[in-house]
Protein backbone atom coordinates (compact mmCIF):
# COMPACT_ATOMS: atom_id res chain seq x y z
CA MET A 1 0.00 0.00 0.00
CA HIS A 2 3.05 2.23 0.23
CA ALA A 3 4.19 1.64 -3.35
CA ALA A 4 2.51 4.71 -4.88
CA PRO A 5 3.85 7.26 -2.35
CA ALA A 6 7.28 5.65 -2.55
CA ALA A 7 7.30 5.84 -6.33
CA LYS A 8 6.16 9.45 -6.21
CA ALA A 9 8.98 10.33 -3.79
CA ALA A 10 11.54 8.61 -5.99
CA ARG A 11 10.29 10.43 -9.11
CA ARG A 12 10.35 13.77 -7.30
CA LEU A 13 14.03 13.30 -6.50
CA LEU A 14 15.22 12.00 -9.87
CA LEU A 15 16.59 15.45 -10.76
CA PRO A 16 18.71 15.72 -7.58
CA ILE A 17 20.00 12.21 -8.26
CA ALA A 18 20.91 13.15 -11.83
CA LEU A 19 22.62 16.30 -10.58
CA LEU A 20 24.68 14.25 -8.13
CA PHE A 21 26.04 12.17 -11.00
CA ALA A 22 26.79 15.32 -12.98
CA THR A 23 28.50 17.28 -10.22
CA LEU A 24 30.45 14.69 -8.21
CA GLY A 25 34.07 15.67 -8.68
CA ALA A 26 37.28 15.78 -6.72
CA GLN A 27 35.62 17.59 -3.84
CA ALA A 28 33.05 14.79 -3.53
CA GLN A 29 35.61 12.03 -3.88
CA PHE A 30 37.37 13.22 -0.75
CA PRO A 31 34.89 15.04 1.51
CA ASN A 32 37.59 15.52 4.16
CA ALA A 33 39.86 17.29 1.69
CA PRO A 34 41.01 20.82 2.56
CA GLY A 35 38.71 23.64 1.56
CA PRO A 36 39.68 26.74 -0.42
CA ASP A 37 41.65 28.06 2.57
CA GLY A 38 43.62 24.82 2.86
CA ALA A 39 42.00 23.76 6.15
CA PRO A 40 39.86 20.63 6.70
CA SER A 41 36.16 21.33 7.12
CA PRO A 42 34.85 21.90 10.67
CA ALA A 43 32.48 18.95 10.21
CA TYR A 44 35.36 16.64 9.37
CA LEU A 45 37.45 17.88 12.30
CA ALA A 46 34.51 17.30 14.66
CA ALA A 47 34.02 13.78 13.31
CA GLN A 48 37.73 13.07 13.61
CA ALA A 49 37.70 14.11 17.27
CA ARG A 50 34.55 12.10 17.98
CA TRP A 51 35.82 8.87 16.42
CA ARG A 52 39.52 9.08 17.25
CA SER A 53 39.46 6.14 19.69
CA GLU A 54 37.42 3.91 17.36
CA LEU A 55 39.72 4.59 14.41
CA ALA A 56 42.74 3.95 16.64
CA ALA A 57 41.24 0.59 17.67
CA PHE A 58 40.89 -0.41 14.01
CA ASP A 59 44.51 0.59 13.43
CA ALA A 60 45.62 -1.54 16.37
CA ALA A 61 43.67 -4.54 15.07
CA ASP A 62 45.26 -4.11 11.65
CA ARG A 63 48.74 -3.99 13.13
CA GLN A 64 48.02 -7.25 14.91
CA GLN A 65 46.78 -8.95 11.74
CA TRP A 66 46.42 -7.13 8.45
CA PRO A 67 43.46 -8.47 6.44
CA SER A 68 44.21 -9.93 3.03
CA GLU A 69 43.24 -7.91 -0.02
CA GLY A 70 40.17 -8.83 -2.05
CA GLY A 71 37.89 -9.38 0.93
CA VAL A 72 34.46 -8.06 1.86
CA VAL A 73 34.14 -5.00 4.09
CA PHE A 74 31.03 -4.23 6.13
CA VAL A 75 31.02 -0.62 7.33
CA GLY A 76 28.44 1.40 9.22
CA SER A 77 26.83 2.07 12.55
CA SER A 78 26.17 -0.08 15.62
CA THR A 79 24.05 -2.58 13.70
CA ILE A 80 27.27 -3.59 11.97
CA ARG A 81 29.44 -3.20 15.07
CA PHE A 82 27.20 -5.52 17.11
CA TRP A 83 27.26 -8.18 14.38
CA THR A 84 29.94 -10.11 16.22
CA ARG A 85 29.41 -13.32 14.22
CA LEU A 86 29.71 -11.57 10.87
CA ALA A 87 32.63 -13.65 9.58
CA GLN A 88 31.09 -16.90 10.87
CA ASP A 89 27.75 -16.04 9.27
CA PHE A 90 29.36 -15.85 5.82
CA PRO A 91 31.94 -18.67 5.83
CA GLN A 92 31.90 -18.88 2.03
CA LEU A 93 33.86 -15.61 1.91
CA PRO A 94 37.65 -15.81 2.35
CA VAL A 95 37.99 -12.49 4.23
CA VAL A 96 35.24 -10.57 6.08
CA ILE A 97 36.15 -7.27 7.71
CA ASN A 98 33.82 -5.61 10.24
CA ARG A 99 34.32 -1.85 10.42
CA GLY A 100 31.18 -0.86 12.28
CA PHE A 101 31.42 1.99 14.76
CA GLY A 102 28.41 2.61 16.97
CA GLY A 103 26.44 5.82 16.61
CA SER A 104 28.04 6.72 13.30
CA THR A 105 26.25 8.36 10.40
CA MET A 106 26.42 8.08 6.62
CA ALA A 107 28.37 11.33 6.71
CA ASP A 108 30.93 9.72 9.05
CA CYS A 109 31.31 6.73 6.73
CA SER A 110 31.95 9.14 3.88
CA TYR A 111 34.51 11.16 5.86
CA PHE A 112 36.51 8.06 6.76
CA ALA A 113 36.10 5.94 3.63
CA ARG A 114 39.86 5.77 3.15
CA GLU A 115 40.52 4.57 6.70
CA LEU A 116 37.54 2.19 6.84
CA VAL A 117 37.50 0.79 3.31
CA LEU A 118 40.15 1.80 0.79
CA ARG A 119 43.16 0.63 2.77
CA TYR A 120 41.91 -2.98 2.59
CA LYS A 121 41.43 -3.00 -1.21
CA PRO A 122 38.24 -5.09 -0.94
CA ARG A 123 36.33 -6.70 -3.77
CA HIS A 124 32.98 -5.81 -2.17
CA VAL A 125 31.85 -3.05 0.20
CA LEU A 126 28.55 -3.17 2.11
CA VAL A 127 27.43 -0.11 4.05
CA TYR A 128 24.67 0.27 6.62
CA ALA A 129 24.13 3.88 7.69
CA GLY A 130 21.49 6.60 7.59
CA ASP A 131 19.45 5.55 10.61
CA ASN A 132 21.36 7.86 12.94
CA ASP A 133 21.45 10.66 10.38
CA LEU A 134 17.65 10.80 10.40
CA ALA A 135 17.56 10.66 14.20
CA GLU A 136 19.91 13.66 14.26
CA GLY A 137 17.66 15.66 11.94
CA ARG A 138 19.27 15.21 8.52
CA THR A 139 17.07 14.91 5.47
CA PRO A 140 16.86 12.00 3.01
CA ILE A 141 18.56 14.06 0.30
CA GLN A 142 21.43 14.91 2.67
CA ILE A 143 21.91 11.21 3.38
CA LEU A 144 21.86 10.49 -0.35
CA GLU A 145 24.55 13.13 -0.86
CA SER A 146 26.74 11.54 1.83
CA PHE A 147 26.22 8.08 0.35
CA ALA A 148 27.02 9.35 -3.14
CA GLN A 149 30.25 10.86 -1.83
CA PHE A 150 31.11 7.57 -0.12
CA ALA A 151 30.35 5.54 -3.26
CA ASN A 152 32.29 7.93 -5.48
CA THR A 153 35.32 7.78 -3.20
CA VAL A 154 35.26 3.97 -3.26
CA ARG A 155 34.62 3.73 -7.00
CA THR A 156 37.38 6.22 -7.87
CA ALA A 157 40.01 4.37 -5.84
CA LEU A 158 38.68 0.84 -6.44
CA PRO A 159 36.92 0.85 -9.83
CA GLU A 160 36.24 -2.90 -9.78
CA ALA A 161 34.78 -3.01 -6.27
CA ARG A 162 31.14 -3.91 -5.86
CA ILE A 163 29.14 -1.51 -3.66
CA SER A 164 26.00 -2.52 -1.73
CA TYR A 165 23.76 -0.35 0.41
CA ILE A 166 21.84 -2.16 3.14
CA SER A 167 18.54 -0.33 3.55
CA ILE A 168 17.76 1.61 6.70
CA LYS A 169 15.95 -0.78 9.01
CA PRO A 170 12.62 0.03 10.67
CA SER A 171 12.70 -0.17 14.47
CA PRO A 172 10.08 0.23 17.20
CA SER A 173 12.05 2.99 18.92
CA ARG A 174 12.22 5.08 15.74
CA GLU A 175 8.87 4.22 14.24
CA LYS A 176 8.00 7.90 13.84
CA LEU A 177 10.85 8.18 11.35
CA GLN A 178 9.50 5.46 9.04
CA PRO A 179 8.29 7.88 6.33
CA GLN A 180 11.77 9.44 6.14
CA MET A 181 13.34 5.97 6.22
CA ARG A 182 11.22 4.89 3.27
CA GLU A 183 12.08 8.00 1.31
CA THR A 184 15.81 7.64 2.01
CA ASN A 185 15.74 3.98 1.00
CA ASP A 186 13.80 4.79 -2.18
CA ILE A 187 16.12 7.52 -3.41
CA ILE A 188 19.31 5.62 -2.61
CA GLY A 189 17.83 2.60 -4.39
CA ALA A 190 17.08 4.82 -7.40
CA TYR A 191 20.63 6.18 -7.29
CA LEU A 192 22.12 2.68 -7.23
CA ARG A 193 20.08 1.61 -10.23
CA ARG A 194 22.19 4.08 -12.21
CA LEU A 195 25.50 3.04 -10.66
CA PRO A 196 27.20 0.04 -12.31
CA ASN A 197 28.24 -2.94 -10.17
CA SER A 198 26.15 -1.86 -7.21
CA GLU A 199 22.97 -2.94 -5.48
CA TYR A 200 20.38 -1.99 -2.91
CA ILE A 201 19.66 -4.70 -0.33
CA ASP A 202 16.17 -4.44 1.14
CA VAL A 203 16.04 -5.48 4.79
CA PHE A 204 13.32 -2.91 5.48
CA THR A 205 10.41 -4.87 3.99
CA PRO A 206 10.98 -8.26 5.71
CA MET A 207 11.39 -6.49 9.06
CA LEU A 208 7.80 -5.25 8.94
CA GLY A 209 4.82 -7.24 10.17
CA ALA A 210 1.51 -7.66 8.37
CA ASP A 211 0.36 -4.45 10.06
CA GLY A 212 3.20 -2.47 8.48
CA ARG A 213 4.95 -1.92 11.80
CA PRO A 214 8.44 -3.11 12.86
CA ARG A 215 8.47 -6.69 14.12
CA PRO A 216 9.34 -6.43 17.84
CA GLU A 217 10.68 -9.99 18.03
CA LEU A 218 13.70 -8.91 15.94
CA PHE A 219 14.99 -6.40 18.48
CA ARG A 220 16.76 -6.20 21.80
CA GLY A 221 15.15 -4.64 24.83
CA ASP A 222 16.15 -1.16 23.67
CA ARG A 223 13.80 -1.62 20.66
CA LEU A 224 16.52 -0.28 18.36
CA HIS A 225 19.30 -2.84 17.97
CA LEU A 226 18.93 -6.32 16.49
CA ASN A 227 18.82 -9.46 18.60
CA ASP A 228 19.93 -12.90 17.43
CA GLU A 229 16.69 -13.44 15.50
CA GLY A 230 17.14 -10.10 13.78
CA TYR A 231 20.65 -11.00 12.70
CA ARG A 232 19.45 -14.38 11.43
CA LEU A 233 17.01 -12.52 9.18
CA TRP A 234 19.77 -10.20 7.98
CA ARG A 235 22.08 -13.15 7.31
CA SER A 236 19.38 -14.73 5.16
CA VAL A 237 18.50 -11.57 3.20
CA ILE A 238 22.06 -10.34 2.70
CA GLY A 239 23.51 -13.80 2.15
CA ALA A 240 21.12 -14.39 -0.75
CA GLN A 241 22.73 -11.48 -2.61
CA LEU A 242 26.23 -11.57 -1.20
CA VAL A 243 27.78 -14.18 -3.48
CA ARG A 244 26.70 -14.08 -7.10
CA PRO A 245 27.41 -17.04 -9.43
CA ALA A 246 30.40 -15.28 -11.04
CA ASP A 247 31.77 -14.44 -7.61
CA GLN A 248 31.31 -18.02 -6.42
CA ALA A 249 33.31 -19.36 -9.35
CA GLU A 250 36.11 -16.90 -8.62
CA LEU A 251 36.06 -17.64 -4.90
CA SER A 252 36.32 -21.38 -5.52
CA ILE A 253 39.83 -20.93 -6.93
CA ALA A 254 40.95 -18.10 -4.65
CA PRO A 255 43.29 -18.93 -1.75
CA VAL A 256 41.74 -18.67 1.68
CA SER A 257 43.62 -16.37 4.05
CA ARG A 258 42.68 -15.90 7.72
């Protein structure tokens, strides 16, 4: 019953999506690049200060064991960070890297794409973010802009890498934001339909009950983060799209490195 409004929202934003493709340039490839005065943007500096300890922890983990190239990177907010069985849930992949940092936004993922993604030279990047952006008052088009910057940064540095966006999930604690979640998902999905070697993964729809509301049995007591049942659903939905036939053939001859 939501198809018509969703389609209308997507059509309304086709021009902004087209403009993003036309205008993404060097400044979008590296959103943390110095501005005209040579100084990093205040937003980037604030994000750098906020996430200094998390980025340092990733650096420490890498020094202990550097992941092999050609793996799969999951990046995003606490839904990724709390997915502690991520590598075990996708054993068919030779290398799975979890770079979730709790409370982060799509803008944060864009700011730190080099630190979180590019350094590993992955074959596939999956991002889950946008939930917190909406909670902090950003608009769907602002989230699209951040995602487009993230995707452009990845695609410029790693032209063969596959990019997947995991849809914003509905949750009981943020049910009032569902219209904005739908709109964000719709316009990012429309954007990805124009971006080669990319895909939109819909976890939003299967997380709704017959009444159109978030299924409470998928969430922890905070009504925001996934419980084991929620992650089982995600494993099923994402796993169905994670390894395509061509990828499977390539993986079957690739050396496994742990």
